[in-house]
All heavy atoms as atom14 arrays in JSON, in Angstrom:
{
  "sequence": "VRRQSGSTATMIFDPAEILRYLSQFMVLEPGDL",
  "atom14_mask": [
    [1, 1, 1, 1, 1, 1, 1, 0, 0, 0, 0, 0, 0, 0],
    [1, 1, 1, 1, 1, 1, 1, 1, 1, 1, 1, 0, 0, 0],
    [1, 1, 1, 1, 1, 1, 1, 1, 1, 1, 1, 0, 0, 0],
    [1, 1, 1, 1, 1, 1, 1, 1, 1, 0, 0, 0, 0, 0],
    [1, 1, 1, 1, 1, 1, 0, 0, 0, 0, 0, 0, 0, 0],
    [1, 1, 1, 1, 0, 0, 0, 0, 0, 0, 0, 0, 0, 0],
    [1, 1, 1, 1, 1, 1, 0, 0, 0, 0, 0, 0, 0, 0],
    [1, 1, 1, 1, 1, 1, 1, 0, 0, 0, 0, 0, 0, 0],
    [1, 1, 1, 1, 1, 0, 0, 0, 0, 0, 0, 0, 0, 0],
    [1, 1, 1, 1, 1, 1, 1, 0, 0, 0, 0, 0, 0, 0],
    [1, 1, 1, 1, 1, 1, 1, 1, 0, 0, 0, 0, 0, 0],
    [1, 1, 1, 1, 1, 1, 1, 1, 0, 0, 0, 0, 0, 0],
    [1, 1, 1, 1, 1, 1, 1, 1, 1, 1, 1, 0, 0, 0],
    [1, 1, 1, 1, 1, 1, 1, 1, 0, 0, 0, 0, 0, 0],
    [1, 1, 1, 1, 1, 1, 1, 0, 0, 0, 0, 0, 0, 0],
    [1, 1, 1, 1, 1, 0, 0, 0, 0, 0, 0, 0, 0, 0],
    [1, 1, 1, 1, 1, 1, 1, 1, 1, 0, 0, 0, 0, 0],
    [1, 1, 1, 1, 1, 1, 1, 1, 0, 0, 0, 0, 0, 0],
    [1, 1, 1, 1, 1, 1, 1, 1, 0, 0, 0, 0, 0, 0],
    [1, 1, 1, 1, 1, 1, 1, 1, 1, 1, 1, 0, 0, 0],
    [1, 1, 1, 1, 1, 1, 1, 1, 1, 1, 1, 1, 0, 0],
    [1, 1, 1, 1, 1, 1, 1, 1, 0, 0, 0, 0, 0, 0],
    [1, 1, 1, 1, 1, 1, 0, 0, 0, 0, 0, 0, 0, 0],
    [1, 1, 1, 1, 1, 1, 1, 1, 1, 0, 0, 0, 0, 0],
    [1, 1, 1, 1, 1, 1, 1, 1, 1, 1, 1, 0, 0, 0],
    [1, 1, 1, 1, 1, 1, 1, 1, 0, 0, 0, 0, 0, 0],
    [1, 1, 1, 1, 1, 1, 1, 0, 0, 0, 0, 0, 0, 0],
    [1, 1, 1, 1, 1, 1, 1, 1, 0, 0, 0, 0, 0, 0],
    [1, 1, 1, 1, 1, 1, 1, 1, 1, 0, 0, 0, 0, 0],
    [1, 1, 1, 1, 1, 1, 1, 0, 0, 0, 0, 0, 0, 0],
    [1, 1, 1, 1, 0, 0, 0, 0, 0, 0, 0, 0, 0, 0],
    [1, 1, 1, 1, 1, 1, 1, 1, 0, 0, 0, 0, 0, 0],
    [1, 1, 1, 1, 1, 1, 1, 1, 0, 0, 0, 0, 0, 0]
  ],
  "atom14_positions": [
    [[-28.49, -19.6, 33.52], [-27.54, -20.68, 33.78], [-28.22, -22.01, 33.49], [-29.3, -22.29, 34.04], [-27.03, -20.65, 35.23], [-26.1, -21.83, 35.51], [-26.33, -19.33, 35.52], [0.0, 0.0, 0.0], [0.0, 0.0, 0.0], [0.0, 0.0, 0.0], [0.0, 0.0, 0.0], [0.0, 0.0, 0.0], [0.0, 0.0, 0.0], [0.0, 0.0, 0.0]],
    [[-27.62, -22.82, 32.64], [-28.2, -24.11, 32.3], [-28.19, -25.03, 33.52], [-27.15, -25.31, 34.1], [-27.41, -24.75, 31.14], [-27.89, -26.11, 30.66], [-29.32, -26.09, 30.11], [-29.63, -25.01, 29.22], [-29.45, -25.04, 27.9], [-28.96, -26.13, 27.33], [-29.78, -23.99, 27.14], [0.0, 0.0, 0.0], [0.0, 0.0, 0.0], [0.0, 0.0, 0.0]],
    [[-29.37, -25.48, 33.92], [-29.51, -26.39, 35.05], [-29.89, -27.8, 34.63], [-29.44, -28.77, 35.22], [-30.56, -25.84, 36.03], [-30.17, -24.55, 36.72], [-28.89, -24.68, 37.52], [-28.6, -23.5, 38.34], [-27.49, -23.34, 39.04], [-26.54, -24.28, 39.0], [-27.31, -22.25, 39.76], [0.0, 0.0, 0.0], [0.0, 0.0, 0.0], [0.0, 0.0, 0.0]],
    [[-30.76, -27.91, 33.63], [-31.16, -29.22, 33.15], [-30.88, -29.34, 31.66], [-31.15, -28.41, 30.89], [-32.66, -29.46, 33.39], [-33.03, -29.69, 34.84], [-34.48, -30.12, 34.98], [-35.37, -29.27, 35.02], [-34.72, -31.42, 35.05], [0.0, 0.0, 0.0], [0.0, 0.0, 0.0], [0.0, 0.0, 0.0], [0.0, 0.0, 0.0], [0.0, 0.0, 0.0]],
    [[-30.33, -30.47, 31.28], [-30.09, -30.77, 29.88], [-30.23, -32.28, 29.73], [-29.52, -33.04, 30.39], [-28.69, -30.32, 29.47], [-28.48, -30.56, 28.09], [0.0, 0.0, 0.0], [0.0, 0.0, 0.0], [0.0, 0.0, 0.0], [0.0, 0.0, 0.0], [0.0, 0.0, 0.0], [0.0, 0.0, 0.0], [0.0, 0.0, 0.0], [0.0, 0.0, 0.0]],
    [[-31.17, -32.71, 28.92], [-31.4, -34.14, 28.8], [-32.18, -34.46, 27.55], [-32.33, -33.63, 26.65], [0.0, 0.0, 0.0], [0.0, 0.0, 0.0], [0.0, 0.0, 0.0], [0.0, 0.0, 0.0], [0.0, 0.0, 0.0], [0.0, 0.0, 0.0], [0.0, 0.0, 0.0], [0.0, 0.0, 0.0], [0.0, 0.0, 0.0], [0.0, 0.0, 0.0]],
    [[-32.68, -35.67, 27.5], [-33.42, -36.15, 26.34], [-34.45, -37.17, 26.79], [-34.22, -37.93, 27.74], [-32.46, -36.8, 25.33], [-33.18, -37.49, 24.32], [0.0, 0.0, 0.0], [0.0, 0.0, 0.0], [0.0, 0.0, 0.0], [0.0, 0.0, 0.0], [0.0, 0.0, 0.0], [0.0, 0.0, 0.0], [0.0, 0.0, 0.0], [0.0, 0.0, 0.0]],
    [[-35.56, -37.19, 26.09], [-36.57, -38.21, 26.36], [-36.03, -39.62, 26.08], [-36.64, -40.61, 26.5], [-37.83, -37.99, 25.52], [-37.47, -37.93, 24.12], [-38.53, -36.69, 25.91], [0.0, 0.0, 0.0], [0.0, 0.0, 0.0], [0.0, 0.0, 0.0], [0.0, 0.0, 0.0], [0.0, 0.0, 0.0], [0.0, 0.0, 0.0], [0.0, 0.0, 0.0]],
    [[-34.89, -39.72, 25.43], [-34.29, -41.02, 25.14], [-33.93, -41.78, 26.41], [-33.79, -43.01, 26.38], [-33.05, -40.87, 24.27], [0.0, 0.0, 0.0], [0.0, 0.0, 0.0], [0.0, 0.0, 0.0], [0.0, 0.0, 0.0], [0.0, 0.0, 0.0], [0.0, 0.0, 0.0], [0.0, 0.0, 0.0], [0.0, 0.0, 0.0], [0.0, 0.0, 0.0]],
    [[-33.75, -41.07, 27.55], [-33.38, -41.76, 28.79], [-34.6, -42.05, 29.68], [-34.43, -42.46, 30.83], [-32.34, -40.96, 29.59], [-32.93, -39.74, 30.06], [-31.12, -40.64, 28.74], [0.0, 0.0, 0.0], [0.0, 0.0, 0.0], [0.0, 0.0, 0.0], [0.0, 0.0, 0.0], [0.0, 0.0, 0.0], [0.0, 0.0, 0.0], [0.0, 0.0, 0.0]],
    [[-35.79, -41.85, 29.14], [-36.99, -42.22, 29.9], [-37.01, -43.72, 30.15], [-36.65, -44.52, 29.29], [-38.27, -41.81, 29.14], [-38.51, -40.32, 29.09], [-39.97, -39.88, 28.1], [-41.28, -40.42, 29.18], [0.0, 0.0, 0.0], [0.0, 0.0, 0.0], [0.0, 0.0, 0.0], [0.0, 0.0, 0.0], [0.0, 0.0, 0.0], [0.0, 0.0, 0.0]],
    [[-37.46, -44.11, 31.33], [-37.57, -45.52, 31.67], [-38.85, -46.11, 31.07], [-38.84, -47.18, 30.47], [-37.55, -45.7, 33.2], [-36.24, -45.15, 33.77], [-37.74, -47.17, 33.59], [-36.27, -44.94, 35.27], [0.0, 0.0, 0.0], [0.0, 0.0, 0.0], [0.0, 0.0, 0.0], [0.0, 0.0, 0.0], [0.0, 0.0, 0.0], [0.0, 0.0, 0.0]],
    [[-39.96, -45.42, 31.25], [-41.25, -45.86, 30.72], [-41.71, -44.86, 29.67], [-41.82, -43.67, 29.94], [-42.29, -45.96, 31.85], [-41.85, -46.82, 33.0], [-41.41, -46.23, 34.19], [-41.83, -48.2, 32.89], [-40.99, -47.02, 35.25], [-41.4, -49.0, 33.94], [-40.98, -48.41, 35.12], [0.0, 0.0, 0.0], [0.0, 0.0, 0.0], [0.0, 0.0, 0.0]],
    [[-41.95, -45.33, 28.44], [-42.34, -44.43, 27.36], [-43.82, -44.04, 27.49], [-44.55, -44.59, 28.32], [-42.02, -45.05, 26.0], [-42.87, -46.25, 25.64], [-43.98, -46.43, 26.19], [-42.43, -47.04, 24.77], [0.0, 0.0, 0.0], [0.0, 0.0, 0.0], [0.0, 0.0, 0.0], [0.0, 0.0, 0.0], [0.0, 0.0, 0.0], [0.0, 0.0, 0.0]],
    [[-44.28, -43.05, 26.72], [-45.67, -42.59, 26.87], [-46.72, -43.69, 26.75], [-47.69, -43.7, 27.52], [-45.8, -41.56, 25.75], [-44.43, -40.99, 25.61], [-43.51, -42.17, 25.8], [0.0, 0.0, 0.0], [0.0, 0.0, 0.0], [0.0, 0.0, 0.0], [0.0, 0.0, 0.0], [0.0, 0.0, 0.0], [0.0, 0.0, 0.0], [0.0, 0.0, 0.0]],
    [[-46.54, -44.62, 25.82], [-47.54, -45.69, 25.67], [-47.59, -46.57, 26.9], [-48.67, -46.94, 27.36], [-47.23, -46.52, 24.42], [0.0, 0.0, 0.0], [0.0, 0.0, 0.0], [0.0, 0.0, 0.0], [0.0, 0.0, 0.0], [0.0, 0.0, 0.0], [0.0, 0.0, 0.0], [0.0, 0.0, 0.0], [0.0, 0.0, 0.0], [0.0, 0.0, 0.0]],
    [[-46.42, -46.91, 27.45], [-46.41, -47.76, 28.64], [-47.01, -47.02, 29.83], [-47.7, -47.62, 30.67], [-44.99, -48.22, 28.94], [-44.84, -49.01, 30.23], [-45.74, -50.25, 30.33], [-46.26, -50.72, 29.3], [-45.93, -50.74, 31.46], [0.0, 0.0, 0.0], [0.0, 0.0, 0.0], [0.0, 0.0, 0.0], [0.0, 0.0, 0.0], [0.0, 0.0, 0.0]],
    [[-46.76, -45.72, 29.93], [-47.34, -44.94, 31.02], [-48.87, -44.96, 30.94], [-49.56, -45.21, 31.94], [-46.81, -43.5, 30.99], [-45.33, -43.48, 31.39], [-47.62, -42.6, 31.91], [-44.65, -42.16, 31.17], [0.0, 0.0, 0.0], [0.0, 0.0, 0.0], [0.0, 0.0, 0.0], [0.0, 0.0, 0.0], [0.0, 0.0, 0.0], [0.0, 0.0, 0.0]],
    [[-49.41, -44.71, 29.75], [-50.87, -44.73, 29.61], [-51.44, -46.12, 29.88], [-52.45, -46.26, 30.58], [-51.28, -44.26, 28.21], [-51.85, -42.84, 28.14], [-50.75, -41.84, 28.44], [-52.47, -42.56, 26.78], [0.0, 0.0, 0.0], [0.0, 0.0, 0.0], [0.0, 0.0, 0.0], [0.0, 0.0, 0.0], [0.0, 0.0, 0.0], [0.0, 0.0, 0.0]],
    [[-50.81, -47.13, 29.29], [-51.3, -48.5, 29.5], [-51.3, -48.84, 30.98], [-52.26, -49.38, 31.51], [-50.43, -49.48, 28.73], [-50.96, -50.93, 28.73], [-49.87, -51.94, 28.6], [-48.95, -51.92, 29.73], [-49.22, -52.45, 30.92], [-50.39, -53.06, 31.13], [-48.33, -52.39, 31.89], [0.0, 0.0, 0.0], [0.0, 0.0, 0.0], [0.0, 0.0, 0.0]],
    [[-50.21, -48.5, 31.66], [-50.08, -48.81, 33.08], [-51.13, -48.08, 33.91], [-51.83, -48.68, 34.72], [-48.67, -48.44, 33.54], [-48.38, -48.76, 34.98], [-47.93, -50.02, 35.36], [-48.54, -47.8, 35.98], [-47.67, -50.33, 36.69], [-48.27, -48.09, 37.3], [-47.83, -49.35, 37.66], [-47.58, -49.64, 38.98], [0.0, 0.0, 0.0], [0.0, 0.0, 0.0]],
    [[-51.24, -46.76, 33.71], [-52.2, -45.99, 34.5], [-53.63, -46.49, 34.3], [-54.44, -46.49, 35.24], [-52.11, -44.51, 34.12], [-50.84, -43.77, 34.53], [-50.86, -42.36, 33.98], [-50.68, -43.75, 36.05], [0.0, 0.0, 0.0], [0.0, 0.0, 0.0], [0.0, 0.0, 0.0], [0.0, 0.0, 0.0], [0.0, 0.0, 0.0], [0.0, 0.0, 0.0]],
    [[-53.94, -46.91, 33.08], [-55.32, -47.34, 32.78], [-55.71, -48.62, 33.49], [-56.9, -48.98, 33.51], [-55.51, -47.5, 31.27], [-54.91, -48.69, 30.8], [0.0, 0.0, 0.0], [0.0, 0.0, 0.0], [0.0, 0.0, 0.0], [0.0, 0.0, 0.0], [0.0, 0.0, 0.0], [0.0, 0.0, 0.0], [0.0, 0.0, 0.0], [0.0, 0.0, 0.0]],
    [[-54.75, -49.32, 34.09], [-55.08, -50.5, 34.88], [-55.59, -50.13, 36.27], [-56.2, -50.95, 36.96], [-53.86, -51.42, 35.02], [-53.14, -51.75, 33.72], [-54.04, -52.27, 32.63], [-54.78, -53.25, 32.84], [-54.0, -51.63, 31.46], [0.0, 0.0, 0.0], [0.0, 0.0, 0.0], [0.0, 0.0, 0.0], [0.0, 0.0, 0.0], [0.0, 0.0, 0.0]],
    [[-55.34, -48.88, 36.68], [-55.67, -48.46, 38.05], [-56.68, -47.32, 38.11], [-57.27, -47.08, 39.16], [-54.39, -48.02, 38.77], [-53.3, -49.04, 38.75], [-52.26, -48.95, 37.84], [-53.32, -50.1, 39.64], [-51.26, -49.91, 37.82], [-52.31, -51.06, 39.63], [-51.29, -50.97, 38.72], [0.0, 0.0, 0.0], [0.0, 0.0, 0.0], [0.0, 0.0, 0.0]],
    [[-56.86, -46.61, 36.99], [-57.77, -45.47, 36.98], [-58.29, -45.27, 35.56], [-57.7, -45.77, 34.6], [-57.06, -44.19, 37.46], [-55.93, -43.75, 36.55], [-55.01, -42.3, 37.18], [-54.08, -43.05, 38.52], [0.0, 0.0, 0.0], [0.0, 0.0, 0.0], [0.0, 0.0, 0.0], [0.0, 0.0, 0.0], [0.0, 0.0, 0.0], [0.0, 0.0, 0.0]],
    [[-59.38, -44.54, 35.45], [-59.91, -44.18, 34.13], [-59.33, -42.82, 33.76], [-59.46, -41.85, 34.51], [-61.44, -44.13, 34.14], [-61.96, -43.66, 32.78], [-62.02, -45.49, 34.49], [0.0, 0.0, 0.0], [0.0, 0.0, 0.0], [0.0, 0.0, 0.0], [0.0, 0.0, 0.0], [0.0, 0.0, 0.0], [0.0, 0.0, 0.0], [0.0, 0.0, 0.0]],
    [[-58.69, -42.77, 32.62], [-58.16, -41.52, 32.09], [-59.2, -40.92, 31.14], [-59.68, -41.59, 30.24], [-56.86, -41.77, 31.34], [-55.72, -42.36, 32.18], [-54.56, -42.79, 31.29], [-55.25, -41.37, 33.24], [0.0, 0.0, 0.0], [0.0, 0.0, 0.0], [0.0, 0.0, 0.0], [0.0, 0.0, 0.0], [0.0, 0.0, 0.0], [0.0, 0.0, 0.0]],
    [[-59.54, -39.66, 31.38], [-60.57, -39.0, 30.59], [-59.94, -38.14, 29.5], [-58.8, -37.68, 29.63], [-61.44, -38.11, 31.49], [-62.14, -38.84, 32.62], [-63.28, -39.74, 32.15], [-63.56, -39.77, 30.93], [-63.9, -40.4, 33.0], [0.0, 0.0, 0.0], [0.0, 0.0, 0.0], [0.0, 0.0, 0.0], [0.0, 0.0, 0.0], [0.0, 0.0, 0.0]],
    [[-60.65, -37.9, 28.41], [-60.14, -37.0, 27.37], [-59.77, -35.63, 27.95], [-60.52, -35.06, 28.73], [-61.32, -36.89, 26.39], [-62.12, -38.12, 26.62], [-61.99, -38.43, 28.08], [0.0, 0.0, 0.0], [0.0, 0.0, 0.0], [0.0, 0.0, 0.0], [0.0, 0.0, 0.0], [0.0, 0.0, 0.0], [0.0, 0.0, 0.0], [0.0, 0.0, 0.0]],
    [[-58.61, -35.16, 27.56], [-58.13, -33.87, 28.07], [-57.31, -33.96, 29.33], [-56.75, -32.94, 29.77], [0.0, 0.0, 0.0], [0.0, 0.0, 0.0], [0.0, 0.0, 0.0], [0.0, 0.0, 0.0], [0.0, 0.0, 0.0], [0.0, 0.0, 0.0], [0.0, 0.0, 0.0], [0.0, 0.0, 0.0], [0.0, 0.0, 0.0], [0.0, 0.0, 0.0]],
    [[-57.22, -35.15, 29.96], [-56.36, -35.29, 31.13], [-54.9, -35.06, 30.74], [-54.49, -35.3, 29.6], [-56.5, -36.68, 31.74], [-57.74, -36.82, 32.61], [-58.43, -35.81, 32.83], [-58.03, -37.95, 33.06], [0.0, 0.0, 0.0], [0.0, 0.0, 0.0], [0.0, 0.0, 0.0], [0.0, 0.0, 0.0], [0.0, 0.0, 0.0], [0.0, 0.0, 0.0]],
    [[-54.11, -34.6, 31.72], [-52.7, -34.31, 31.5], [-51.85, -35.25, 32.34], [-52.13, -35.46, 33.53], [-52.39, -32.86, 31.88], [-50.94, -32.39, 31.8], [-50.4, -32.49, 30.38], [-50.8, -30.97, 32.34], [0.0, 0.0, 0.0], [0.0, 0.0, 0.0], [0.0, 0.0, 0.0], [0.0, 0.0, 0.0], [0.0, 0.0, 0.0], [0.0, 0.0, 0.0]]
  ]
}
């Protein structure tokens, strides 16, 4: 039964903004998820 159906188009913060934002508060290491 289909429960979720969506698109990354409705994301509020895109991947670049997420990384930029997180990097102001913590160090992201290679291989982090």
